[in-house]
Amino acid sequence: RAIATNNLEAYAVPTIDPWFLSYTRAGNGFPFNLNLLSNINLGTSLYVVGESQDKAWLLVITPYFMAWVKAVGVAYTDNTFINSWIHLTNKSMIAIITPNVSLINNKVILSLAF
């Protein structure tokens, strides 16, 4: 189990190289990159089910689809983190709208850079 630590781009295959079909058919040429499936928002829960040989890419299952993402945007979680996350999301949430913010409590320092 894991969580998205950045907004991620979700790919059909583990590469950022674009994939285009025939330019003669609408929706198949540039700029319609068929390799880029969707985006995954920061904080989305993930299941990691595969890894590329170079460990740069992870095959993940999101609540909505399965895709390859860059490994640098994913953190593995444990039951303690998951239980804390569920508990805190049931209390209240905040929206951070200022870049380079640090949130501090007595146990954790979280620094967000946009």
PDB file of N, CA and C in Angstrom:
ATOM      1  N   ARG A   1       0.843  -1.173   0.000  1.00  0.00           N
ATOM      2  CA  ARG A   1       0.000   0.000   0.000  1.00  0.00           C
ATOM      3  C   ARG A   1       0.889   1.237   0.000  1.00  0.00           C
ATOM      4  N   ALA A   2       0.388   2.283  -0.647  1.00  0.00           N
ATOM      5  CA  ALA A   2       1.194   3.484  -0.826  1.00  0.00           C
ATOM      6  C   ALA A   2       0.277   4.694  -0.974  1.00  0.00           C
ATOM      7  N   ILE A   3       0.914   5.868  -1.081  1.00  0.00           N
ATOM      8  CA  ILE A   3       0.179   7.119  -1.265  1.00  0.00           C
ATOM      9  C   ILE A   3       0.941   7.993  -2.253  1.00  0.00           C
ATOM     10  N   ALA A   4       0.215   8.758  -3.046  1.00  0.00           N
ATOM     11  CA  ALA A   4       0.840   9.687  -3.991  1.00  0.00           C
ATOM     12  C   ALA A   4       1.342  10.904  -3.218  1.00  0.00           C
ATOM     13  N   THR A   5       2.636  11.175  -3.315  1.00  0.00           N
ATOM     14  CA  THR A   5       3.232  12.317  -2.611  1.00  0.00           C
ATOM     15  C   THR A   5       3.328  13.549  -3.496  1.00  0.00           C
ATOM     16  N   ASN A   6       2.975  13.404  -4.755  1.00  0.00           N
ATOM     17  CA  ASN A   6       2.906  14.505  -5.723  1.00  0.00           C
ATOM     18  C   ASN A   6       1.717  14.250  -6.639  1.00  0.00           C
ATOM     19  N   ASN A   7       1.321  15.257  -7.390  1.00  0.00           N
ATOM     20  CA  ASN A   7       0.384  15.009  -8.478  1.00  0.00           C
ATOM     21  C   ASN A   7       1.157  14.239  -9.538  1.00  0.00           C
ATOM     22  N   LEU A   8       0.613  13.117  -9.960  1.00  0.00           N
ATOM     23  CA  LEU A   8       1.322  12.214 -10.866  1.00  0.00           C
ATOM     24  C   LEU A   8       0.613  12.094 -12.202  1.00  0.00           C
ATOM     25  N   GLU A   9       1.393  11.867 -13.243  1.00  0.00           N
ATOM     26  CA  GLU A   9       0.834  11.521 -14.540  1.00  0.00           C
ATOM     27  C   GLU A   9       0.798  10.002 -14.633  1.00  0.00           C
ATOM     28  N   ALA A  10      -0.300   9.469 -15.116  1.00  0.00           N
ATOM     29  CA  ALA A  10      -0.503   8.022 -15.208  1.00  0.00           C
ATOM     30  C   ALA A  10      -0.315   7.584 -16.660  1.00  0.00           C
ATOM     31  N   TYR A  11       0.565   6.610 -16.873  1.00  0.00           N
ATOM     32  CA  TYR A  11       0.922   6.174 -18.225  1.00  0.00           C
ATOM     33  C   TYR A  11       0.516   4.720 -18.472  1.00  0.00           C
ATOM     34  N   ALA A  12       0.261   4.394 -19.732  1.00  0.00           N
ATOM     35  CA  ALA A  12      -0.076   3.025 -20.133  1.00  0.00           C
ATOM     36  C   ALA A  12       1.151   2.120 -20.086  1.00  0.00           C
ATOM     37  N   VAL A  13       2.309   2.654 -20.442  1.00  0.00           N
ATOM     38  CA  VAL A  13       3.577   1.925 -20.388  1.00  0.00           C
ATOM     39  C   VAL A  13       4.599   2.794 -19.660  1.00  0.00           C
ATOM     40  N   PRO A  14       5.623   2.207 -19.044  1.00  0.00           N
ATOM     41  CA  PRO A  14       6.552   2.975 -18.213  1.00  0.00           C
ATOM     42  C   PRO A  14       7.576   3.800 -18.991  1.00  0.00           C
ATOM     43  N   THR A  15       7.097   4.834 -19.641  1.00  0.00           N
ATOM     44  CA  THR A  15       7.950   5.795 -20.341  1.00  0.00           C
ATOM     45  C   THR A  15       7.156   7.080 -20.532  1.00  0.00           C
ATOM     46  N   ILE A  16       7.865   8.203 -20.600  1.00  0.00           N
ATOM     47  CA  ILE A  16       7.178   9.468 -20.886  1.00  0.00           C
ATOM     48  C   ILE A  16       7.100   9.739 -22.387  1.00  0.00           C
ATOM     49  N   ASP A  17       7.674   8.830 -23.176  1.00  0.00           N
ATOM     50  CA  ASP A  17       7.615   8.986 -24.630  1.00  0.00           C
ATOM     51  C   ASP A  17       6.160   8.971 -25.094  1.00  0.00           C
ATOM     52  N   PRO A  18       5.790   9.906 -25.958  1.00  0.00           N
ATOM     53  CA  PRO A  18       4.408   9.931 -26.435  1.00  0.00           C
ATOM     54  C   PRO A  18       4.124   8.781 -27.395  1.00  0.00           C
ATOM     55  N   TRP A  19       2.860   8.445 -27.495  1.00  0.00           N
ATOM     56  CA  TRP A  19       2.415   7.360 -28.365  1.00  0.00           C
ATOM     57  C   TRP A  19       1.267   7.894 -29.204  1.00  0.00           C
ATOM     58  N   PHE A  20       1.501   8.008 -30.504  1.00  0.00           N
ATOM     59  CA  PHE A  20       0.498   8.515 -31.429  1.00  0.00           C
ATOM     60  C   PHE A  20       0.179   7.444 -32.465  1.00  0.00           C
ATOM     61  N   LEU A  21      -1.043   7.421 -32.918  1.00  0.00           N
ATOM     62  CA  LEU A  21      -1.427   6.536 -34.021  1.00  0.00           C
ATOM     63  C   LEU A  21      -1.469   7.372 -35.290  1.00  0.00           C
ATOM     64  N   SER A  22      -2.326   7.051 -36.188  1.00  0.00           N
ATOM     65  CA  SER A  22      -2.400   7.720 -37.474  1.00  0.00           C
ATOM     66  C   SER A  22      -2.863   9.171 -37.324  1.00  0.00           C
ATOM     67  N   TYR A  23      -2.131  10.066 -37.957  1.00  0.00           N
ATOM     68  CA  TYR A  23      -2.516  11.475 -37.947  1.00  0.00           C
ATOM     69  C   TYR A  23      -3.743  11.740 -38.824  1.00  0.00           C
ATOM     70  N   THR A  24      -4.127  10.755 -39.618  1.00  0.00           N
ATOM     71  CA  THR A  24      -5.268  10.943 -40.503  1.00  0.00           C
ATOM     72  C   THR A  24      -6.603  10.714 -39.797  1.00  0.00           C
ATOM     73  N   ARG A  25      -6.586  10.141 -38.609  1.00  0.00           N
ATOM     74  CA  ARG A  25      -7.821   9.895 -37.841  1.00  0.00           C
ATOM     75  C   ARG A  25      -7.920  10.887 -36.700  1.00  0.00           C
ATOM     76  N   ALA A  26      -9.067  11.478 -36.534  1.00  0.00           N
ATOM     77  CA  ALA A  26      -9.281  12.458 -35.469  1.00  0.00           C
ATOM     78  C   ALA A  26      -9.011  11.829 -34.106  1.00  0.00           C
ATOM     79  N   GLY A  27      -8.285  12.559 -33.241  1.00  0.00           N
ATOM     80  CA  GLY A  27      -8.012  12.096 -31.888  1.00  0.00           C
ATOM     81  C   GLY A  27      -6.869  11.112 -31.771  1.00  0.00           C
ATOM     82  N   ASN A  28      -6.153  10.826 -32.864  1.00  0.00           N
ATOM     83  CA  ASN A  28      -5.056   9.854 -32.816  1.00  0.00           C
ATOM     84  C   ASN A  28      -3.681  10.459 -33.062  1.00  0.00           C
ATOM     85  N   GLY A  29      -3.618  11.678 -33.541  1.00  0.00           N
ATOM     86  CA  GLY A  29      -2.332  12.325 -33.788  1.00  0.00           C
ATOM     87  C   GLY A  29      -2.027  13.334 -32.696  1.00  0.00           C
ATOM     88  N   PHE A  30      -0.965  14.100 -32.907  1.00  0.00           N
ATOM     89  CA  PHE A  30      -0.596  15.140 -31.953  1.00  0.00           C
ATOM     90  C   PHE A  30      -1.765  16.106 -31.774  1.00  0.00           C
ATOM     91  N   PRO A  31      -2.114  16.543 -30.586  1.00  0.00           N
ATOM     92  CA  PRO A  31      -1.459  16.372 -29.287  1.00  0.00           C
ATOM     93  C   PRO A  31      -2.063  15.250 -28.442  1.00  0.00           C
ATOM     94  N   PHE A  32      -2.720  14.283 -29.045  1.00  0.00           N
ATOM     95  CA  PHE A  32      -3.416  13.239 -28.305  1.00  0.00           C
ATOM     96  C   PHE A  32      -2.482  12.077 -28.000  1.00  0.00           C
ATOM     97  N   ASN A  33      -1.714  12.200 -26.916  1.00  0.00           N
ATOM     98  CA  ASN A  33      -0.750  11.196 -26.476  1.00  0.00           C
ATOM     99  C   ASN A  33      -1.514  10.016 -25.872  1.00  0.00           C
ATOM    100  N   LEU A  34      -1.548   8.908 -26.563  1.00  0.00           N
ATOM    101  CA  LEU A  34      -2.299   7.749 -26.092  1.00  0.00           C
ATOM    102  C   LEU A  34      -1.607   7.019 -24.945  1.00  0.00           C
ATOM    103  N   ASN A  35      -0.335   7.330 -24.692  1.00  0.00           N
ATOM    104  CA  ASN A  35       0.363   6.729 -23.560  1.00  0.00           C
ATOM    105  C   ASN A  35      -0.064   7.384 -22.244  1.00  0.00           C
ATOM    106  N   LEU A  36      -0.373   8.662 -22.270  1.00  0.00           N
ATOM    107  CA  LEU A  36      -0.777   9.396 -21.071  1.00  0.00           C
ATOM    108  C   LEU A  36      -2.259   9.139 -20.814  1.00  0.00           C
ATOM    109  N   LEU A  37      -2.543   8.386 -19.745  1.00  0.00           N
ATOM    110  CA  LEU A  37      -3.919   7.965 -19.473  1.00  0.00           C
ATOM    111  C   LEU A  37      -4.713   8.984 -18.678  1.00  0.00           C
ATOM    112  N   SER A  38      -4.104   9.510 -17.602  1.00  0.00           N
ATOM    113  CA  SER A  38      -4.828  10.380 -16.693  1.00  0.00           C
ATOM    114  C   SER A  38      -3.839  11.005 -15.715  1.00  0.00           C
ATOM    115  N   ASN A  39      -4.371  11.625 -14.670  1.00  0.00           N
ATOM    116  CA  ASN A  39      -3.561  12.174 -13.587  1.00  0.00           C
ATOM    117  C   ASN A  39      -4.008  11.558 -12.273  1.00  0.00           C
ATOM    118  N   ILE A  40      -3.087  11.512 -11.328  1.00  0.00           N
ATOM    119  CA  ILE A  40      -3.379  11.026  -9.983  1.00  0.00           C
ATOM    120  C   ILE A  40      -3.078  12.164  -9.024  1.00  0.00           C
ATOM    121  N   ASN A  41      -4.047  12.536  -8.215  1.00  0.00           N
ATOM    122  CA  ASN A  41      -3.886  13.660  -7.305  1.00  0.00           C
ATOM    123  C   ASN A  41      -3.040  13.315  -6.085  1.00  0.00           C
ATOM    124  N   LEU A  42      -2.361  14.313  -5.566  1.00  0.00           N
ATOM    125  CA  LEU A  42      -1.615  14.206  -4.321  1.00  0.00           C
ATOM    126  C   LEU A  42      -2.521  13.630  -3.239  1.00  0.00           C
ATOM    127  N   GLY A  43      -2.032  12.653  -2.489  1.00  0.00           N
ATOM    128  CA  GLY A  43      -2.806  12.069  -1.399  1.00  0.00           C
ATOM    129  C   GLY A  43      -3.679  10.899  -1.793  1.00  0.00           C
ATOM    130  N   THR A  44      -3.670  10.517  -3.068  1.00  0.00           N
ATOM    131  CA  THR A  44      -4.477   9.376  -3.514  1.00  0.00           C
ATOM    132  C   THR A  44      -3.861   8.077  -2.992  1.00  0.00           C
ATOM    133  N   SER A  45      -4.702   7.197  -2.464  1.00  0.00           N
ATOM    134  CA  SER A  45      -4.201   5.905  -2.003  1.00  0.00           C
ATOM    135  C   SER A  45      -3.941   5.008  -3.203  1.00  0.00           C
ATOM    136  N   LEU A  46      -2.880   4.215  -3.100  1.00  0.00           N
ATOM    137  CA  LEU A  46      -2.433   3.376  -4.205  1.00  0.00           C
ATOM    138  C   LEU A  46      -2.064   1.992  -3.700  1.00  0.00           C
ATOM    139  N   TYR A  47      -2.186   1.008  -4.571  1.00  0.00           N
ATOM    140  CA  TYR A  47      -1.607  -0.315  -4.355  1.00  0.00           C
ATOM    141  C   TYR A  47      -0.514  -0.482  -5.393  1.00  0.00           C
ATOM    142  N   VAL A  48       0.689  -0.786  -4.960  1.00  0.00           N
ATOM    143  CA  VAL A  48       1.804  -1.017  -5.878  1.00  0.00           C
ATOM    144  C   VAL A  48       1.826  -2.501  -6.206  1.00  0.00           C
ATOM    145  N   VAL A  49       1.685  -2.827  -7.502  1.00  0.00           N
ATOM    146  CA  VAL A  49       1.631  -4.229  -7.915  1.00  0.00           C
ATOM    147  C   VAL A  49       2.782  -4.622  -8.835  1.00  0.00           C
ATOM    148  N   GLY A  50       3.619  -3.662  -9.211  1.00  0.00           N
ATOM    149  CA  GLY A  50       4.737  -3.969 -10.091  1.00  0.00           C
ATOM    150  C   GLY A  50       5.768  -2.864 -10.069  1.00  0.00           C
ATOM    151  N   GLU A  51       6.957  -3.183 -10.584  1.00  0.00           N
ATOM    152  CA  GLU A  51       8.055  -2.223 -10.606  1.00  0.00           C
ATOM    153  C   GLU A  51       8.895  -2.481 -11.852  1.00  0.00           C
ATOM    154  N   SER A  52       9.353  -1.407 -12.502  1.00  0.00           N
ATOM    155  CA  SER A  52      10.220  -1.582 -13.672  1.00  0.00           C
ATOM    156  C   SER A  52      11.592  -2.085 -13.219  1.00  0.00           C
ATOM    157  N   GLN A  53      12.353  -2.664 -14.135  1.00  0.00           N
ATOM    158  CA  GLN A  53      13.666  -3.209 -13.787  1.00  0.00           C
ATOM    159  C   GLN A  53      14.595  -2.156 -13.213  1.00  0.00           C
ATOM    160  N   ASP A  54      14.510  -0.919 -13.709  1.00  0.00           N
ATOM    161  CA  ASP A  54      15.378   0.143 -13.200  1.00  0.00           C
ATOM    162  C   ASP A  54      14.813   0.832 -11.954  1.00  0.00           C
ATOM    163  N   LYS A  55      13.652   0.372 -11.481  1.00  0.00           N
ATOM    164  CA  LYS A  55      12.979   0.874 -10.273  1.00  0.00           C
ATOM    165  C   LYS A  55      12.527   2.338 -10.385  1.00  0.00           C
ATOM    166  N   ALA A  56      12.522   2.881 -11.600  1.00  0.00           N
ATOM    167  CA  ALA A  56      12.096   4.266 -11.809  1.00  0.00           C
ATOM    168  C   ALA A  56      10.582   4.383 -11.941  1.00  0.00           C
ATOM    169  N   TRP A  57       9.906   3.276 -12.251  1.00  0.00           N
ATOM    170  CA  TRP A  57       8.470   3.279 -12.477  1.00  0.00           C
ATOM    171  C   TRP A  57       7.779   2.233 -11.612  1.00  0.00           C
ATOM    172  N   LEU A  58       6.561   2.548 -11.162  1.00  0.00           N
ATOM    173  CA  LEU A  58       5.747   1.613 -10.401  1.00  0.00           C
ATOM    174  C   LEU A  58       4.414   1.409 -11.108  1.00  0.00           C
ATOM    175  N   LEU A  59       3.954   0.177 -11.154  1.00  0.00           N
ATOM    176  CA  LEU A  59       2.620  -0.130 -11.655  1.00  0.00           C
ATOM    177  C   LEU A  59       1.687  -0.077 -10.459  1.00  0.00           C
ATOM    178  N   VAL A  60       0.721   0.842 -10.493  1.00  0.00           N
ATOM    179  CA  VAL A  60      -0.153   1.056  -9.335  1.00  0.00           C
ATOM    180  C   VAL A  60      -1.618   0.876  -9.705  1.00  0.00           C
ATOM    181  N   ILE A  61      -2.383   0.510  -8.697  1.00  0.00           N
ATOM    182  CA  ILE A  61      -3.841   0.484  -8.814  1.00  0.00           C
ATOM    183  C   ILE A  61      -4.352   1.644  -7.981  1.00  0.00           C
ATOM    184  N   THR A  62      -5.112   2.527  -8.610  1.00  0.00           N
ATOM    185  CA  THR A  62      -5.753   3.645  -7.912  1.00  0.00           C
ATOM    186  C   THR A  62      -7.194   3.232  -7.611  1.00  0.00           C
ATOM    187  N   PRO A  63      -7.959   4.073  -6.934  1.00  0.00           N
ATOM    188  CA  PRO A  63      -9.378   3.740  -6.762  1.00  0.00           C
ATOM    189  C   PRO A  63     -10.157   3.671  -8.075  1.00  0.00           C
ATOM    190  N   TYR A  64      -9.555   4.135  -9.184  1.00  0.00           N
ATOM    191  CA  TYR A  64     -10.297   4.247 -10.443  1.00  0.00           C
ATOM    192  C   TYR A  64      -9.700   3.477 -11.608  1.00  0.00           C
ATOM    193  N   PHE A  65      -8.397   3.248 -11.634  1.00  0.00           N
ATOM    194  CA  PHE A  65      -7.748   2.611 -12.774  1.00  0.00           C
ATOM    195  C   PHE A  65      -6.369   2.092 -12.370  1.00  0.00           C
ATOM    196  N   MET A  66      -5.703   1.401 -13.305  1.00  0.00           N
ATOM    197  CA  MET A  66      -4.349   0.888 -13.117  1.00  0.00           C
ATOM    198  C   MET A  66      -3.439   1.578 -14.116  1.00  0.00           C
ATOM    199  N   ALA A  67      -2.224   1.969 -13.675  1.00  0.00           N
ATOM    200  CA  ALA A  67      -1.316   2.683 -14.572  1.00  0.00           C
ATOM    201  C   ALA A  67       0.111   2.651 -14.035  1.00  0.00           C
ATOM    202  N   TRP A  68       1.047   3.045 -14.900  1.00  0.00           N
ATOM    203  CA  TRP A  68       2.441   3.221 -14.513  1.00  0.00           C
ATOM    204  C   TRP A  68       2.656   4.670 -14.095  1.00  0.00           C
ATOM    205  N   VAL A  69       3.397   4.879 -12.990  1.00  0.00           N
ATOM    206  CA  VAL A  69       3.730   6.214 -12.512  1.00  0.00           C
ATOM    207  C   VAL A  69       5.212   6.263 -12.163  1.00  0.00           C
ATOM    208  N   LYS A  70       5.779   7.460 -12.127  1.00  0.00           N
ATOM    209  CA  LYS A  70       7.173   7.608 -11.702  1.00  0.00           C
ATOM    210  C   LYS A  70       7.263   7.310 -10.209  1.00  0.00           C
ATOM    211  N   ALA A  71       8.248   6.518  -9.834  1.00  0.00           N
ATOM    212  CA  ALA A  71       8.396   6.060  -8.451  1.00  0.00           C
ATOM    213  C   ALA A  71       8.697   7.198  -7.486  1.00  0.00           C
ATOM    214  N   VAL A  72       9.301   8.283  -7.954  1.00  0.00           N
ATOM    215  CA  VAL A  72       9.661   9.387  -7.046  1.00  0.00           C
ATOM    216  C   VAL A  72       8.438  10.069  -6.447  1.00  0.00           C
ATOM    217  N   GLY A  73       7.259   9.856  -7.016  1.00  0.00           N
ATOM    218  CA  GLY A  73       6.046  10.490  -6.503  1.00  0.00           C
ATOM    219  C   GLY A  73       5.193   9.587  -5.636  1.00  0.00           C
ATOM    220  N   VAL A  74       5.780   8.473  -5.163  1.00  0.00           N
ATOM    221  CA  VAL A  74       5.017   7.498  -4.380  1.00  0.00           C
ATOM    222  C   VAL A  74       5.766   7.172  -3.091  1.00  0.00           C
ATOM    223  N   ALA A  75       5.037   7.094  -1.980  1.00  0.00           N
ATOM    224  CA  ALA A  75       5.614   6.664  -0.700  1.00  0.00           C
ATOM    225  C   ALA A  75       4.842   5.456  -0.198  1.00  0.00           C
ATOM    226  N   TYR A  76       5.583   4.460   0.272  1.00  0.00           N
ATOM    227  CA  TYR A  76       4.948   3.278   0.849  1.00  0.00           C
ATOM    228  C   TYR A  76       4.412   3.619   2.234  1.00  0.00           C
ATOM    229  N   THR A  77       3.303   2.985   2.606  1.00  0.00           N
ATOM    230  CA  THR A  77       2.676   3.260   3.894  1.00  0.00           C
ATOM    231  C   THR A  77       2.569   1.974   4.713  1.00  0.00           C
ATOM    232  N   ASP A  78       2.258   2.147   6.002  1.00  0.00           N
ATOM    233  CA  ASP A  78       2.019   1.004   6.869  1.00  0.00           C
ATOM    234  C   ASP A  78       0.661   1.198   7.550  1.00  0.00           C
ATOM    235  N   ASN A  79       0.251   0.240   8.337  1.00  0.00           N
ATOM    236  CA  ASN A  79      -1.069   0.308   8.986  1.00  0.00           C
ATOM    237  C   ASN A  79      -1.197   1.503   9.909  1.00  0.00           C
ATOM    238  N   THR A  80      -0.122   1.883  10.601  1.00  0.00           N
ATOM    239  CA  THR A  80      -0.163   3.045  11.497  1.00  0.00           C
ATOM    240  C   THR A  80      -0.477   4.312  10.708  1.00  0.00           C
ATOM    241  N   PHE A  81       0.215   4.508   9.590  1.00  0.00           N
ATOM    242  CA  PHE A  81      -0.040   5.682   8.760  1.00  0.00           C
ATOM    243  C   PHE A  81      -1.462   5.674   8.215  1.00  0.00           C
ATOM    244  N   ILE A  82      -1.897   4.525   7.720  1.00  0.00           N
ATOM    245  CA  ILE A  82      -3.237   4.430   7.132  1.00  0.00           C
ATOM    246  C   ILE A  82      -4.307   4.742   8.168  1.00  0.00           C
ATOM    247  N   ASN A  83      -4.184   4.189   9.358  1.00  0.00           N
ATOM    248  CA  ASN A  83      -5.158   4.464  10.424  1.00  0.00           C
ATOM    249  C   ASN A  83      -5.155   5.937  10.811  1.00  0.00           C
ATOM    250  N   SER A  84      -3.972   6.552  10.886  1.00  0.00           N
ATOM    251  CA  SER A  84      -3.884   7.988  11.185  1.00  0.00           C
ATOM    252  C   SER A  84      -4.524   8.818  10.082  1.00  0.00           C
ATOM    253  N   TRP A  85      -4.249   8.443   8.834  1.00  0.00           N
ATOM    254  CA  TRP A  85      -4.803   9.167   7.682  1.00  0.00           C
ATOM    255  C   TRP A  85      -6.327   9.117   7.700  1.00  0.00           C
ATOM    256  N   ILE A  86      -6.888   7.937   7.922  1.00  0.00           N
ATOM    257  CA  ILE A  86      -8.347   7.788   7.981  1.00  0.00           C
ATOM    258  C   ILE A  86      -8.921   8.596   9.136  1.00  0.00           C
ATOM    259  N   HIS A  87      -8.286   8.518  10.295  1.00  0.00           N
ATOM    260  CA  HIS A  87      -8.755   9.257  11.471  1.00  0.00           C
ATOM    261  C   HIS A  87      -8.739  10.766  11.213  1.00  0.00           C
ATOM    262  N   LEU A  88      -7.655  11.265  10.637  1.00  0.00           N
ATOM    263  CA  LEU A  88      -7.546  12.706  10.394  1.00  0.00           C
ATOM    264  C   LEU A  88      -8.487  13.196   9.297  1.00  0.00           C
ATOM    265  N   THR A  89      -8.711  12.392   8.268  1.00  0.00           N
ATOM    266  CA  THR A  89      -9.618  12.840   7.208  1.00  0.00           C
ATOM    267  C   THR A  89     -11.060  12.899   7.694  1.00  0.00           C
ATOM    268  N   ASN A  90     -11.383  12.149   8.715  1.00  0.00           N
ATOM    269  CA  ASN A  90     -12.727  12.224   9.281  1.00  0.00           C
ATOM    270  C   ASN A  90     -12.907  13.433  10.187  1.00  0.00           C
ATOM    271  N   LYS A  91     -11.819  14.075  10.583  1.00  0.00           N
ATOM    272  CA  LYS A  91     -11.899  15.252  11.457  1.00  0.00           C
ATOM    273  C   LYS A  91     -12.055  16.533  10.636  1.00  0.00           C
ATOM    274  N   SER A  92     -11.007  16.917   9.961  1.00  0.00           N
ATOM    275  CA  SER A  92     -11.065  18.143   9.163  1.00  0.00           C
ATOM    276  C   SER A  92      -9.910  18.144   8.170  1.00  0.00           C
ATOM    277  N   MET A  93     -10.101  18.908   7.134  1.00  0.00           N
ATOM    278  CA  MET A  93      -9.083  19.024   6.100  1.00  0.00           C
ATOM    279  C   MET A  93      -8.759  20.497   5.892  1.00  0.00           C
ATOM    280  N   ILE A  94      -7.594  20.773   5.324  1.00  0.00           N
ATOM    281  CA  ILE A  94      -7.210  22.139   5.008  1.00  0.00           C
ATOM    282  C   ILE A  94      -6.835  22.215   3.531  1.00  0.00           C
ATOM    283  N   ALA A  95      -6.878  23.388   2.992  1.00  0.00           N
ATOM    284  CA  ALA A  95      -6.416  23.633   1.626  1.00  0.00           C
ATOM    285  C   ALA A  95      -5.234  24.578   1.705  1.00  0.00           C
ATOM    286  N   ILE A  96      -4.102  24.159   1.179  1.00  0.00           N
ATOM    287  CA  ILE A  96      -2.896  24.992   1.186  1.00  0.00           C
ATOM    288  C   ILE A  96      -2.825  25.709  -0.153  1.00  0.00           C
ATOM    289  N   ILE A  97      -2.827  27.033  -0.096  1.00  0.00           N
ATOM    290  CA  ILE A  97      -2.837  27.820  -1.329  1.00  0.00           C
ATOM    291  C   ILE A  97      -1.597  28.685  -1.482  1.00  0.00           C
ATOM    292  N   THR A  98      -0.653  28.594  -0.535  1.00  0.00           N
ATOM    293  CA  THR A  98       0.585  29.354  -0.588  1.00  0.00           C
ATOM    294  C   THR A  98       1.743  28.398  -0.861  1.00  0.00           C
ATOM    295  N   PRO A  99       2.633  28.740  -1.789  1.00  0.00           N
ATOM    296  CA  PRO A  99       3.756  27.844  -2.056  1.00  0.00           C
ATOM    297  C   PRO A  99       4.755  27.801  -0.898  1.00  0.00           C
ATOM    298  N   ASN A 100       5.508  26.696  -0.823  1.00  0.00           N
ATOM    299  CA  ASN A 100       6.586  26.503   0.158  1.00  0.00           C
ATOM    300  C   ASN A 100       6.112  26.667   1.590  1.00  0.00           C
ATOM    301  N   VAL A 101       5.159  25.850   1.989  1.00  0.00           N
ATOM    302  CA  VAL A 101       4.558  25.907   3.318  1.00  0.00           C
ATOM    303  C   VAL A 101       5.102  24.769   4.175  1.00  0.00           C
ATOM    304  N   SER A 102       5.349  25.048   5.456  1.00  0.00           N
ATOM    305  CA  SER A 102       5.719  24.007   6.411  1.00  0.00           C
ATOM    306  C   SER A 102       4.628  23.896   7.459  1.00  0.00           C
ATOM    307  N   LEU A 103       4.194  22.664   7.724  1.00  0.00           N
ATOM    308  CA  LEU A 103       3.213  22.399   8.763  1.00  0.00           C
ATOM    309  C   LEU A 103       3.926  21.647   9.881  1.00  0.00           C
ATOM    310  N   ILE A 104       3.781  22.118  11.117  1.00  0.00           N
ATOM    311  CA  ILE A 104       4.515  21.532  12.224  1.00  0.00           C
ATOM    312  C   ILE A 104       3.555  21.219  13.368  1.00  0.00           C
ATOM    313  N   ASN A 105       3.666  20.015  13.935  1.00  0.00           N
ATOM    314  CA  ASN A 105       3.030  19.721  15.208  1.00  0.00           C
ATOM    315  C   ASN A 105       4.085  19.088  16.100  1.00  0.00           C
ATOM    316  N   ASN A 106       3.702  18.509  17.228  1.00  0.00           N
ATOM    317  CA  ASN A 106       4.709  18.013  18.166  1.00  0.00           C
ATOM    318  C   ASN A 106       5.405  16.733  17.699  1.00  0.00           C
ATOM    319  N   LYS A 107       4.964  16.115  16.618  1.00  0.00           N
ATOM    320  CA  LYS A 107       5.570  14.869  16.163  1.00  0.00           C
ATOM    321  C   LYS A 107       6.116  14.931  14.741  1.00  0.00           C
ATOM    322  N   VAL A 108       5.499  15.709  13.884  1.00  0.00           N
ATOM    323  CA  VAL A 108       5.811  15.628  12.458  1.00  0.00           C
ATOM    324  C   VAL A 108       6.041  17.025  11.888  1.00  0.00           C
ATOM    325  N   ILE A 109       7.025  17.132  11.022  1.00  0.00           N
ATOM    326  CA  ILE A 109       7.226  18.344  10.233  1.00  0.00           C
ATOM    327  C   ILE A 109       6.990  17.976   8.783  1.00  0.00           C
ATOM    328  N   LEU A 110       6.038  18.645   8.162  1.00  0.00           N
ATOM    329  CA  LEU A 110       5.697  18.382   6.770  1.00  0.00           C
ATOM    330  C   LEU A 110       5.940  19.642   5.980  1.00  0.00           C
ATOM    331  N   SER A 111       6.800  19.557   4.983  1.00  0.00           N
ATOM    332  CA  SER A 111       7.108  20.719   4.153  1.00  0.00           C
ATOM    333  C   SER A 111       6.616  20.455   2.739  1.00  0.00           C
ATOM    334  N   LEU A 112       5.814  21.372   2.236  1.00  0.00           N
ATOM    335  CA  LEU A 112       5.249  21.245   0.895  1.00  0.00           C
ATOM    336  C   LEU A 112       5.799  22.339   0.001  1.00  0.00           C
ATOM    337  N   ALA A 113       6.347  21.958  -1.118  1.00  0.00           N
ATOM    338  CA  ALA A 113       6.848  22.927  -2.086  1.00  0.00           C
ATOM    339  C   ALA A 113       6.095  22.733  -3.387  1.00  0.00           C
ATOM    340  N   PHE A 114       5.551  23.795  -3.915  1.00  0.00           N
ATOM    341  CA  PHE A 114       4.800  23.738  -5.161  1.00  0.00           C
ATOM    342  C   PHE A 114       5.639  24.223  -6.305  1.00  0.00           C
TER     343      PHE A 114
END
